[in-house]
Protein backbone atom coordinates (compact mmCIF):
# COMPACT_ATOMS: atom_id res chain seq x y z
CA MET A 1 -21.39 11.04 -33.05
CA SER A 2 -20.34 12.03 -29.55
CA LYS A 3 -19.35 9.27 -27.08
CA ARG A 4 -21.34 9.20 -23.84
CA VAL A 5 -21.32 6.97 -20.81
CA PHE A 6 -24.01 6.83 -18.14
CA ILE A 7 -23.23 5.16 -14.90
CA ILE A 8 -26.36 4.48 -12.63
CA VAL A 9 -25.49 3.50 -9.18
CA LEU A 10 -28.23 1.54 -7.38
CA ASP A 11 -27.07 2.69 -3.97
CA SER A 12 -26.60 -0.45 -1.64
CA CYS A 13 -27.78 -3.03 -4.06
CA GLY A 14 -25.02 -5.65 -3.25
CA CYS A 15 -25.26 -9.22 -4.48
CA GLY A 16 -23.77 -11.44 -1.79
CA GLU A 17 -21.23 -11.47 1.03
CA MET A 18 -17.54 -11.05 0.26
CA PRO A 19 -15.06 -13.48 1.69
CA ASP A 20 -14.02 -11.00 4.33
CA ALA A 21 -17.57 -10.02 5.32
CA TYR A 22 -16.95 -11.54 8.71
CA LYS A 23 -14.60 -8.70 9.59
CA TRP A 24 -17.56 -6.38 9.33
CA HIS A 25 -20.05 -8.86 11.00
CA ASP A 26 -21.86 -9.11 7.68
CA GLU A 27 -21.83 -12.94 7.19
CA GLY A 28 -24.82 -14.10 5.08
CA SER A 29 -25.72 -10.66 3.72
CA ASN A 30 -27.17 -10.64 0.19
CA THR A 31 -29.24 -7.54 -0.61
CA LEU A 32 -30.27 -8.55 -4.09
CA GLY A 33 -30.85 -12.13 -3.00
CA VAL A 34 -33.43 -10.95 -0.52
CA ILE A 35 -35.36 -8.38 -2.50
CA ARG A 36 -35.70 -10.57 -5.63
CA LYS A 37 -37.72 -13.00 -3.64
CA ASN A 38 -40.27 -10.40 -2.63
CA LYS A 39 -43.59 -10.36 -4.33
CA SER A 40 -43.28 -6.67 -5.29
CA PHE A 41 -40.00 -7.38 -7.27
CA ASN A 42 -40.80 -7.18 -10.95
CA CYS A 43 -37.74 -6.22 -12.97
CA PRO A 44 -37.94 -7.79 -16.54
CA ASN A 45 -35.61 -5.27 -18.09
CA LEU A 46 -32.83 -5.77 -15.57
CA ILE A 47 -33.26 -9.47 -15.97
CA ASP A 48 -33.16 -9.29 -19.70
CA MET A 49 -29.99 -7.19 -19.55
CA GLY A 50 -28.34 -10.04 -17.39
CA LEU A 51 -28.83 -9.24 -13.85
CA PHE A 52 -29.57 -12.88 -12.83
CA ASN A 53 -26.76 -14.16 -15.15
CA ILE A 54 -24.15 -12.70 -12.87
CA GLU A 55 -21.89 -15.17 -11.14
CA THR A 56 -23.59 -16.77 -8.09
CA VAL A 57 -26.80 -14.71 -8.52
CA GLY A 58 -28.63 -17.43 -10.23
CA GLY A 59 -31.65 -17.75 -12.58
CA GLY A 60 -30.25 -16.14 -15.63
CA ILE A 61 -31.77 -16.14 -19.05
CA ASP A 62 -30.37 -17.77 -22.28
CA LYS A 63 -29.71 -14.54 -24.27
CA PRO A 64 -29.19 -11.48 -22.12
CA THR A 65 -29.10 -8.18 -23.99
CA GLY A 66 -26.14 -6.72 -22.06
CA SER A 67 -22.87 -8.04 -20.63
CA PHE A 68 -22.30 -8.53 -16.84
CA ALA A 69 -19.96 -9.14 -14.00
CA ARG A 70 -19.73 -9.38 -10.31
CA LEU A 71 -17.27 -6.84 -8.79
CA LYS A 72 -15.24 -7.21 -5.60
CA GLU A 73 -14.49 -4.28 -3.45
CA GLU A 74 -10.75 -3.83 -3.11
CA SER A 75 -11.02 -0.84 -0.76
CA MET A 76 -11.04 -1.47 3.00
CA GLY A 77 -14.60 -0.33 3.71
CA LYS A 78 -18.26 -0.64 2.86
CA ASP A 79 -19.53 2.94 2.70
CA THR A 80 -20.76 5.15 0.01
CA THR A 81 -17.77 7.38 -0.38
CA ILE A 82 -15.21 4.55 -0.54
CA GLY A 83 -17.48 2.55 -2.93
CA HIS A 84 -17.97 5.46 -5.33
CA TRP A 85 -14.26 6.53 -5.20
CA GLU A 86 -13.36 2.96 -6.24
CA ILE A 87 -15.84 2.94 -9.09
CA ALA A 88 -13.95 6.12 -10.13
CA GLY A 89 -10.52 4.42 -9.97
CA LEU A 90 -9.44 5.35 -6.44
CA VAL A 91 -8.84 2.38 -4.10
CA SER A 92 -8.82 3.19 -0.37
CA GLU A 93 -6.27 1.03 1.35
CA LYS A 94 -7.30 2.11 4.98
CA PRO A 95 -10.89 2.35 6.24
CA PHE A 96 -12.29 5.69 7.33
CA PRO A 97 -12.60 5.91 11.11
CA THR A 98 -15.79 4.80 12.92
CA TYR A 99 -17.01 5.72 16.29
CA PRO A 100 -19.04 2.95 17.94
CA ASN A 101 -18.81 4.70 21.32
CA GLY A 102 -19.50 8.19 19.86
CA PHE A 103 -17.03 11.00 19.12
CA PRO A 104 -14.18 11.84 21.42
CA LYS A 105 -14.79 14.61 23.98
CA ASP A 106 -12.30 17.02 22.43
CA ILE A 107 -13.96 16.71 19.00
CA ILE A 108 -17.37 17.54 20.55
CA GLU A 109 -15.97 20.36 22.55
CA GLN A 110 -14.35 21.92 19.48
CA PHE A 111 -17.57 21.60 17.53
CA GLU A 112 -19.64 23.11 20.32
CA ASN A 113 -17.21 26.09 20.74
CA LYS A 114 -17.16 26.80 17.11
CA THR A 115 -20.91 26.62 16.53
CA GLY A 116 -21.90 28.19 19.76
CA ARG A 117 -24.44 25.35 20.36
CA LYS A 118 -24.41 22.34 22.76
CA THR A 119 -24.92 18.87 21.38
CA LEU A 120 -27.20 15.92 22.21
CA CYS A 121 -26.88 12.08 21.73
CA ASN A 122 -23.29 11.58 20.35
CA LYS A 123 -23.64 7.84 19.74
CA PRO A 124 -24.66 5.45 16.91
CA TYR A 125 -28.37 5.76 16.21
CA SER A 126 -30.98 5.24 13.55
CA GLY A 127 -31.71 8.52 11.84
CA THR A 128 -35.51 8.19 12.21
CA GLU A 129 -35.25 6.99 15.85
CA VAL A 130 -32.82 9.68 16.87
CA ILE A 131 -35.18 12.54 16.06
CA LYS A 132 -38.00 10.72 17.98
CA ASP A 133 -35.80 10.43 21.02
CA TYR A 134 -34.12 13.77 20.97
CA GLY A 135 -36.15 15.93 18.77
CA GLU A 136 -38.30 17.56 21.53
CA GLU A 137 -35.24 18.28 23.67
CA HIS A 138 -33.48 19.76 20.69
CA ILE A 139 -36.44 22.11 20.04
CA LYS A 140 -36.54 23.30 23.76
CA SER A 141 -32.78 23.72 24.09
CA GLY A 142 -31.58 24.51 20.60
CA ALA A 143 -28.74 21.98 21.05
CA LEU A 144 -27.77 20.00 17.89
CA ILE A 145 -28.35 16.27 17.60
CA VAL A 146 -25.03 14.64 16.69
CA TYR A 147 -25.00 10.95 15.93
CA THR A 148 -23.13 8.32 13.88
CA SER A 149 -23.65 4.79 12.63
CA ALA A 150 -21.54 1.74 11.86
CA ASP A 151 -20.30 3.82 8.87
CA SER A 152 -17.66 6.69 8.98
CA VAL A 153 -20.17 9.57 9.36
CA PHE A 154 -20.81 12.58 11.59
CA GLN A 155 -24.47 13.36 11.23
CA ILE A 156 -26.16 16.54 12.53
CA ALA A 157 -29.92 16.60 12.88
CA ALA A 158 -31.95 19.87 13.49
CA HIS A 159 -35.53 20.96 13.14
CA GLU A 160 -35.81 23.42 10.29
CA ASP A 161 -37.78 25.84 12.38
CA VAL A 162 -35.09 25.85 15.10
CA VAL A 163 -31.96 25.82 12.79
CA PRO A 164 -32.58 27.09 9.31
CA VAL A 165 -31.13 24.76 6.64
CA GLN A 166 -28.37 27.07 5.48
CA GLU A 167 -27.20 27.52 9.02
CA LEU A 168 -27.20 23.73 9.49
CA TYR A 169 -25.02 23.41 6.35
CA ARG A 170 -22.72 26.00 7.88
CA TYR A 171 -22.43 23.81 11.11
CA CYS A 172 -21.55 20.90 8.83
CA GLU A 173 -18.76 22.92 7.17
CA ILE A 174 -17.36 23.58 10.65
CA ALA A 175 -17.48 19.85 11.48
CA ARG A 176 -15.78 19.04 8.21
CA GLU A 177 -13.01 21.43 8.97
CA ILE A 178 -12.56 19.87 12.41
CA LEU A 179 -12.74 16.18 11.29
CA GLN A 180 -9.46 15.84 9.47
CA GLY A 181 -6.30 13.73 10.05
CA GLU A 182 -7.00 10.72 12.25
CA HIS A 183 -10.60 11.81 12.62
CA ALA A 184 -11.26 12.27 8.80
CA VAL A 185 -14.68 10.66 8.58
CA GLY A 186 -15.97 9.87 5.24
CA ARG A 187 -18.86 12.18 5.37
CA VAL A 188 -20.44 14.91 7.48
CA ILE A 189 -24.15 14.88 6.82
CA ALA A 190 -26.87 17.47 7.43
CA ARG A 191 -30.13 15.79 8.52
CA PRO A 192 -32.84 18.44 8.73
CA PHE A 193 -36.34 17.49 9.92
CA ASN A 194 -39.68 19.16 10.43
CA GLY A 195 -43.20 18.83 11.76
CA ASN A 196 -44.30 17.60 15.12
CA TYR A 197 -43.40 14.45 17.10
CA PRO A 198 -42.43 11.83 15.83
CA PHE A 199 -41.10 14.28 13.23
CA THR A 200 -40.20 13.84 9.57
CA ARG A 201 -36.74 14.10 7.82
CA THR A 202 -36.90 16.55 4.86
CA ALA A 203 -35.35 16.26 1.44
CA ASN A 204 -32.71 18.91 2.44
CA ARG A 205 -30.02 16.44 3.38
CA HIS A 206 -26.62 17.42 2.34
CA ASP A 207 -23.36 15.40 2.47
CA PHE A 208 -19.95 17.00 3.01
CA SER A 209 -17.34 14.47 1.93
CA LEU A 210 -13.59 14.52 1.99
CA VAL A 211 -11.89 15.74 -1.12
CA PRO A 212 -10.51 12.66 -2.91
CA PRO A 213 -6.79 12.47 -2.01
CA LYS A 214 -5.71 11.28 -5.56
CA ASN A 215 -6.93 11.63 -9.12
CA THR A 216 -10.22 9.87 -10.13
CA MET A 217 -11.60 9.33 -13.54
CA LEU A 218 -13.64 12.62 -13.13
CA ASP A 219 -10.31 14.58 -13.01
CA LEU A 220 -8.92 12.71 -16.01
CA LEU A 221 -12.08 13.24 -18.10
CA LYS A 222 -12.40 16.93 -17.22
CA GLU A 223 -8.72 17.51 -18.02
CA GLU A 224 -9.55 16.28 -21.57
CA GLY A 225 -12.45 18.63 -21.87
CA LEU A 226 -15.15 16.05 -21.51
CA ALA A 227 -18.31 16.54 -19.52
CA THR A 228 -18.58 15.10 -15.91
CA ILE A 229 -22.32 15.48 -15.05
CA SER A 230 -23.51 14.51 -11.59
CA VAL A 231 -27.04 13.42 -10.83
CA GLY A 232 -28.06 12.99 -7.14
CA LYS A 233 -25.29 13.06 -4.57
CA ILE A 234 -22.37 12.34 -6.79
CA TYR A 235 -21.33 15.97 -6.45
CA ASP A 236 -21.23 15.53 -2.64
CA ILE A 237 -19.37 12.29 -2.67
CA PHE A 238 -16.57 13.83 -4.64
CA ALA A 239 -16.76 17.09 -2.74
CA GLY A 240 -17.39 18.72 -6.16
CA LYS A 241 -13.89 17.91 -7.49
CA SER A 242 -13.89 17.90 -11.26
CA VAL A 243 -17.69 17.77 -11.51
CA SER A 244 -18.69 20.01 -14.47
CA GLU A 245 -22.37 20.01 -13.71
CA SER A 246 -24.41 19.11 -10.57
CA ASN A 247 -28.13 18.13 -10.54
CA ARG A 248 -29.50 17.54 -7.09
CA THR A 249 -32.50 15.23 -6.68
CA SER A 250 -34.92 14.29 -3.98
CA SER A 251 -35.76 10.71 -5.00
CA ASN A 252 -34.89 7.81 -7.23
CA HIS A 253 -37.68 8.60 -9.46
CA GLU A 254 -36.61 12.15 -9.93
CA GLY A 255 -32.97 11.07 -10.45
CA MET A 256 -33.96 8.87 -13.40
CA GLU A 257 -36.23 11.67 -14.84
CA VAL A 258 -33.18 14.01 -14.66
CA ALA A 259 -30.96 11.40 -16.26
CA ILE A 260 -33.52 10.82 -19.11
CA ASN A 261 -33.64 14.60 -19.70
CA ILE A 262 -29.83 14.81 -19.75
CA GLN A 263 -29.82 11.95 -22.34
CA LYS A 264 -31.78 14.16 -24.66
CA ARG A 265 -28.99 16.74 -24.66
CA ASP A 266 -25.90 16.91 -26.84
CA PHE A 267 -22.71 16.31 -24.86
CA GLU A 268 -19.60 14.14 -24.82
CA GLY A 269 -18.43 12.57 -21.66
CA LEU A 270 -19.88 11.02 -18.49
CA CYS A 271 -23.18 11.28 -16.62
CA PHE A 272 -22.78 9.69 -13.15
CA VAL A 273 -26.08 9.00 -11.38
CA ASN A 274 -26.68 7.99 -7.83
CA LEU A 275 -30.11 6.68 -6.77
CA VAL A 276 -29.97 6.84 -2.93
CA ASP A 277 -33.44 5.86 -1.98
CA PHE A 278 -32.57 2.19 -2.09
CA ASP A 279 -30.05 2.74 0.73
CA MET A 280 -31.54 5.69 2.67
CA LYS A 281 -35.24 4.86 2.69
CA TYR A 282 -35.24 1.06 2.40
CA GLY A 283 -31.92 -0.74 3.15
CA HIS A 284 -31.30 1.30 6.37
CA ARG A 285 -34.83 0.83 7.43
CA ASN A 286 -35.00 -2.83 6.80
CA ASP A 287 -37.93 -2.29 4.47
CA ILE A 288 -37.83 -5.25 1.98
CA ASP A 289 -41.20 -4.42 0.47
CA GLY A 290 -40.15 -0.76 -0.11
CA TYR A 291 -36.78 -1.91 -1.63
CA ALA A 292 -38.46 -4.23 -4.06
CA LEU A 293 -41.09 -1.74 -5.06
CA ALA A 294 -38.32 0.81 -5.69
CA MET A 295 -36.44 -1.62 -7.87
CA THR A 296 -39.62 -2.20 -9.86
CA ASP A 297 -40.15 1.39 -10.30
CA PHE A 298 -36.56 1.86 -11.53
CA ASP A 299 -36.95 -0.99 -13.95
CA VAL A 300 -39.94 0.82 -15.58
CA GLN A 301 -37.91 4.00 -16.05
CA LEU A 302 -34.93 1.87 -17.26
CA LYS A 303 -36.96 0.82 -20.25
CA GLU A 304 -37.55 4.58 -21.20
CA PHE A 305 -33.84 5.15 -20.76
CA GLU A 306 -32.96 2.21 -23.05
CA ARG A 307 -35.24 3.68 -25.76
CA GLY A 308 -33.42 7.01 -25.62
CA MET A 309 -29.89 5.65 -26.07
CA LYS A 310 -27.87 6.86 -28.95
CA ASP A 311 -25.55 4.65 -31.06
CA ASP A 312 -22.36 5.55 -29.19
CA ASP A 313 -23.96 5.57 -25.72
CA ILE A 314 -22.86 3.09 -23.01
CA LEU A 315 -24.99 2.41 -19.91
CA ILE A 316 -23.41 0.91 -16.84
CA ILE A 317 -25.59 -0.10 -13.91
CA THR A 318 -23.78 -1.09 -10.62
CA ALA A 319 -23.84 -0.50 -6.85
CA ASP A 320 -21.44 0.88 -4.23
CA HIS A 321 -21.98 -1.68 -1.31
CA GLY A 322 -24.76 -3.73 0.26
CA CYS A 323 -27.43 -2.86 2.78
CA ASP A 324 -29.29 -6.18 3.32
CA PRO A 325 -32.78 -5.22 4.61
CA ALA A 326 -33.37 -8.74 6.03
CA THR A 327 -30.49 -8.79 8.55
CA PRO A 328 -30.92 -7.44 12.13
CA SER A 329 -28.36 -4.74 11.25
CA THR A 330 -29.60 -1.47 9.66
CA ASP A 331 -26.13 -0.55 8.37
CA HIS A 332 -24.19 -1.25 5.14
CA SER A 333 -23.03 -4.80 4.42
CA ARG A 334 -19.80 -5.87 2.91
CA GLU A 335 -20.92 -7.37 -0.41
CA TYR A 336 -19.92 -7.89 -4.03
CA VAL A 337 -21.88 -5.60 -6.43
CA PRO A 338 -23.47 -6.35 -9.74
CA MET A 339 -22.36 -4.69 -12.94
CA LEU A 340 -24.36 -4.56 -16.19
CA ILE A 341 -23.06 -2.86 -19.39
CA TYR A 342 -25.27 -2.22 -22.33
CA GLY A 343 -25.25 -0.38 -25.60
CA LYS A 344 -25.63 -0.70 -29.25
CA HIS A 345 -21.94 -1.31 -29.70
CA ILE A 346 -21.71 -3.54 -26.60
CA LYS A 347 -21.78 -7.26 -27.02
CA SER A 348 -24.60 -9.24 -25.45
CA GLY A 349 -24.10 -12.17 -23.14
CA VAL A 350 -20.51 -11.66 -22.27
CA ASP A 351 -19.88 -13.09 -18.81
CA LEU A 352 -16.98 -11.10 -17.27
CA LYS A 353 -17.03 -13.29 -14.24
CA THR A 354 -15.83 -11.86 -10.90
CA ARG A 355 -13.70 -8.81 -11.23
CA ASN A 356 -11.09 -7.82 -8.54
CA THR A 357 -12.08 -4.27 -8.09
CA PHE A 358 -14.96 -1.74 -8.83
CA ALA A 359 -12.20 0.33 -10.42
CA ASP A 360 -12.40 -1.81 -13.60
CA ILE A 361 -15.41 0.39 -14.42
CA SER A 362 -13.25 3.54 -14.39
CA ALA A 363 -10.56 1.89 -16.42
CA THR A 364 -13.06 0.75 -19.06
CA ILE A 365 -14.61 4.23 -19.33
CA LEU A 366 -11.24 5.98 -19.76
CA ASP A 367 -10.32 3.37 -22.34
CA TYR A 368 -13.58 4.10 -24.16
CA PHE A 369 -12.71 7.82 -24.32
CA GLY A 370 -9.07 7.20 -25.25
CA VAL A 371 -7.94 8.82 -21.98
CA ASP A 372 -4.80 7.62 -20.17
CA LYS A 373 -5.83 6.21 -16.80
CA LYS A 374 -2.47 7.35 -15.27
CA ASP A 375 -2.35 6.40 -11.55
CA THR A 376 -5.88 5.30 -11.24
CA LYS A 377 -6.60 1.76 -10.56
CA GLY A 378 -8.50 -1.05 -12.44
CA THR A 379 -8.14 -3.09 -15.62
CA SER A 380 -10.33 -2.28 -18.61
CA PHE A 381 -12.64 -4.83 -20.03
CA LEU A 382 -13.63 -2.80 -23.06
CA LYS A 383 -12.00 -5.09 -25.63
CA GLU A 384 -14.13 -7.99 -24.18
CA VAL A 385 -17.37 -6.26 -24.72
CA LEU A 386 -17.03 -3.73 -27.49
CA ILE A 387 -18.28 -4.66 -30.95
């Protein structure tokens, strides 16, 4: 039977501050710790798999069905790109640049000259608030709303009736070409919106990431002729590099539906899933109730996914950073992340303790497929969990 691994990233579901969280002003952050206390949180399948058995999480059960670990981020950052790259075996020793005072004048001038449009804002802003405050001026003038956050992002918001989506994507590609070298932000993000004031962001978001500077597990798996299937924004995060198939989604629920359908197909290799709603819709908006409900919805679909697993399938559930919805900040938080591993040939109840890097996931997957991890990072824990 073909070997298959499914990674599901619960985007932003960290499980407690890391020792260096103070460097990012994230002391006390604990995304999972906050949402599990909410009355809407009901995740029996995650708990059965060992979510609460993870070191320092607390409240675990006697006989979890999966094995589990707490993962430390070795990379210098707390954003989506760095987190996913590390899961895939690439550790980033330097953080991506951030712009708490907005982008330099020369960068904005280059962007305006190459797009032929003026810009508005150019400072850190909430994505929902920025279209309230600048949306009407944008519609009148045609100027693009450019903003950032505490993360390494250059975001461009535009009304779809003023700037068609494909044109907005072209402007993002221009920005991506400009933002290299010392200004190589992790992502350029298209943020289209529509409707009337206070406006609504649409599902046509698109991320333009840097190309990973070194090999990741995706490269190594594809070199061996194995599938590397993307669900959600995985394709964008890796700039399409060594992704054999991309499936775009507009919600967590759709992402899991796509993953369940892929599960019914015959293939050998990796299916890499990102569920972005946890971060985009709830973490960044400090919506604890929404986050808890989304976790509950995921847990229901997880049960269906479990039923469809084949004998040689492995499921890994993890996260890429935190985004504590209970703190005053609306940005990502520097946290450990949970890791659950489950399958018919995976031992139950193995406590893998706290691992030194997210990249241990990559090393374990490559080990499972018998692929040399070469210069990618991480230490495999396959022998500790494989029956």
